[in-house]
Amino acid sequence: QVQLVESGGGLVQTGGSLRLSCVASGDTAVIINMGWYRQVPGYQRELVAVEYSGGTTNYADAVKGRFTVSRDYAKNAVYLQMNDLKPDDLAVYYCYARARARTFWGPGTQVTVSA
């Protein structure tokens, strides 16, 4: 089992920045990928960014050039630096980890962007 806890969400004005953090605990040695999804009420959860175990990253088109995902393997952590935030980025952001063919989720952190 892998447990995930996010932090860093909040309220920010359009054009502002936030940094989300997520720390994993439990069976962290088997984690392969870590990243972030987001969800708006009434819509499906969508991938925001992921860093694979080899260091390759992947981003949703909507956040390319604005968001940066990074991992700290020593701390079993993944981060999401979000710059130039827009009202469309308003969502609950979920950290996830892929391990042993299972996906583990954090409880989520709210990001609100005011116009």
Protein backbone atom coordinates (compact mmCIF):
# COMPACT_ATOMS: atom_id res chain seq x y z
CA GLN A 1 0.00 0.00 0.00
CA VAL A 2 1.04 3.56 -0.74
CA GLN A 3 -0.36 6.58 1.07
CA LEU A 4 -0.24 10.05 -0.47
CA VAL A 5 -0.76 13.44 1.11
CA GLU A 6 -0.93 16.67 -0.89
CA SER A 7 -0.35 20.24 0.25
CA GLY A 8 0.00 23.67 -1.29
CA GLY A 9 -3.41 24.39 -2.77
CA GLY A 10 -5.22 27.65 -2.20
CA LEU A 11 -6.61 30.80 -3.72
CA VAL A 12 -4.58 32.80 -6.23
CA GLN A 13 -5.27 35.56 -8.72
CA THR A 14 -5.09 35.04 -12.47
CA GLY A 15 -1.45 35.08 -13.51
CA GLY A 16 -0.24 33.98 -10.11
CA SER A 17 1.69 30.87 -9.07
CA LEU A 18 1.26 27.95 -6.69
CA ARG A 19 3.42 24.97 -5.85
CA LEU A 20 1.75 21.70 -4.94
CA SER A 21 3.59 19.04 -2.97
CA CYS A 22 2.82 15.39 -2.43
CA VAL A 23 4.65 13.00 -0.14
CA ALA A 24 4.29 9.24 -0.35
CA SER A 25 4.60 6.79 2.51
CA GLY A 26 4.21 3.05 2.91
CA ASP A 27 5.52 0.72 0.20
CA THR A 28 7.33 3.53 -1.65
CA ALA A 29 10.08 1.32 -3.06
CA VAL A 30 7.67 -0.07 -5.69
CA ILE A 31 6.45 3.29 -7.00
CA ILE A 32 7.05 3.68 -10.73
CA ASN A 33 5.33 6.87 -11.81
CA MET A 34 4.08 9.87 -9.87
CA GLY A 35 2.12 12.85 -11.02
CA TRP A 36 -1.00 14.92 -10.86
CA TYR A 37 -4.58 14.80 -12.07
CA ARG A 38 -7.29 17.39 -11.60
CA GLN A 39 -11.07 17.31 -11.51
CA VAL A 40 -13.81 19.89 -11.79
CA PRO A 41 -17.25 18.92 -10.41
CA GLY A 42 -19.31 17.25 -13.13
CA TYR A 43 -16.28 16.43 -15.26
CA GLN A 44 -13.93 13.48 -15.50
CA ARG A 45 -10.61 13.50 -13.72
CA GLU A 46 -7.90 14.48 -16.22
CA LEU A 47 -4.15 14.06 -16.31
CA VAL A 48 -2.19 17.23 -15.65
CA ALA A 49 1.40 16.04 -15.51
CA VAL A 50 3.43 12.93 -14.76
CA GLU A 51 7.07 12.08 -14.28
CA TYR A 52 7.91 8.48 -15.16
CA SER A 53 10.55 6.52 -13.33
CA GLY A 54 13.15 7.18 -16.04
CA GLY A 55 12.71 10.94 -15.70
CA THR A 56 10.53 11.48 -18.76
CA THR A 57 7.65 13.87 -18.23
CA ASN A 58 4.30 14.31 -19.90
CA TYR A 59 1.89 17.22 -19.70
CA ALA A 60 -1.65 18.01 -20.71
CA ASP A 61 -1.70 20.43 -23.63
CA ALA A 62 -3.56 22.98 -21.53
CA VAL A 63 -0.68 23.34 -19.05
CA LYS A 64 2.40 22.96 -21.25
CA GLY A 65 4.80 25.83 -20.76
CA ARG A 66 3.11 26.89 -17.51
CA PHE A 67 3.32 23.88 -15.19
CA THR A 68 6.38 21.84 -14.23
CA VAL A 69 6.33 18.45 -12.53
CA SER A 70 9.33 17.17 -10.60
CA ARG A 71 10.17 14.34 -8.24
CA ASP A 72 12.45 14.04 -5.26
CA TYR A 73 13.21 10.33 -5.03
CA ALA A 74 15.00 10.68 -1.70
CA LYS A 75 11.88 12.23 -0.15
CA ASN A 76 9.36 10.09 -2.08
CA ALA A 77 7.78 13.32 -3.20
CA VAL A 78 6.36 14.86 -6.34
CA TYR A 79 5.79 18.54 -6.94
CA LEU A 80 3.79 20.62 -9.36
CA GLN A 81 4.95 24.18 -9.97
CA MET A 82 2.06 26.08 -11.52
CA ASN A 83 2.75 29.45 -13.09
CA ASP A 84 0.55 31.89 -15.00
CA LEU A 85 -2.57 30.34 -13.51
CA LYS A 86 -5.84 30.86 -15.30
CA PRO A 87 -9.47 30.56 -14.16
CA ASP A 88 -9.72 27.32 -16.18
CA ASP A 89 -7.10 25.79 -13.84
CA LEU A 90 -9.62 25.87 -10.99
CA ALA A 91 -10.03 22.27 -9.81
CA VAL A 92 -9.25 19.77 -7.11
CA TYR A 93 -5.74 18.49 -7.79
CA TYR A 94 -4.96 14.87 -6.95
CA CYS A 95 -1.54 13.39 -6.53
CA TYR A 96 -1.19 9.85 -7.83
CA ALA A 97 1.37 7.08 -7.76
CA ARG A 98 1.53 4.00 -9.92
CA ALA A 99 2.89 0.91 -8.20
CA ARG A 100 2.46 -2.86 -8.69
CA ALA A 101 -0.10 -2.30 -11.46
CA ARG A 102 -2.24 -0.25 -9.08
CA THR A 103 -2.94 3.45 -8.89
CA PHE A 104 -2.97 5.18 -5.54
CA TRP A 105 -4.55 8.59 -4.93
CA GLY A 106 -4.18 11.38 -2.44
CA PRO A 107 -7.27 13.04 -0.95
CA GLY A 108 -6.89 16.10 -3.19
CA THR A 109 -6.15 19.78 -2.70
CA GLN A 110 -8.30 22.64 -3.98
CA VAL A 111 -6.85 25.23 -6.34
CA THR A 112 -8.97 28.30 -6.93
CA VAL A 113 -8.03 31.00 -9.43
CA SER A 114 -9.86 34.30 -9.26
CA ALA A 115 -10.28 36.53 -12.29
